[in-house]
């Protein structure tokens, strides 16, 4: 271990479309989704020592700092996979909202896998890292690679697609969180009368027409939310000029798509008068990236 400290930028994820197409024998749901990494991010610093223990610190008190944390799970799994018993220290500077549909926990765990792999001399290739990540969370393989991708299976089967045309997003967290498991159970009891046309959405991205693509943005979890705050946030975004607005993940965060950065920033400033958590961000072509090695 020559490199003892690695700093990783861990980007958030948006579900530009999300459709649930069935329930598997193992109880998990099959889905199709267009996923997009954005530059709203956490900073994760990973270091090693000889203690043999995994420790986590974070500036957000909502996160568990024990083995329930996905970053802890990722570290333990990585060390086990390469037969190491080193101690690992993880510091998370949290900027991505917690339990919000933005894959913040998976992003942090992906950053840990990437950082540890750098520390230990890149023992594992990207495919193996993704396999390990899938054991921690379905979003984790995407959080490793990022960009724009069609996700299938439980979200772990990824097909990269052409990057989005130039655009911006405004993200709003309008209400309290609900667990992903709870929202899937709500979905199972909800009549769904609208679904996104994912194939057509992919074609419009490939054509480079952000306006046509905006017509295909939709998430079936919206039907399972009975909190008016979700619709109110969507309406607020649309009233401020968003081309489309939708839930991401199982919620509760809502995003609006803007073709113009200035319009997105103007919307963000306005919505800060209504909501405590509002963010402007842009698409990125990566999920996690090492930004410093010591």
Foldseek 3Di string as FASTA:
>chain_A
DPFFKFKKKFWWKFFQFKDFDAADPVGFTKIKTKMFTWRQTKIKMKGWAAPLAEFEDEPDPVADTDCVQLLNVLLVLLCVVVVHSIYMYMYIYDRDDPQFQGCHSLSNNLQSLVVVCVVVVVPDDLVVSLVSSVVSDLCNNCLFFGFIWIATGSRSDTDHAAGAAWWKKKKAAQDDHDHLVVLVVLLVVFDFDDHFPVVVLRVCRVVNPVLVNQVRGEYRSVRSDPDCSQVVVQVLLVVLPFSGKYGHGNRDMIMGMGNDPVSSVVSQVVCVVPGVDMDMITTDRGRMDTDDID
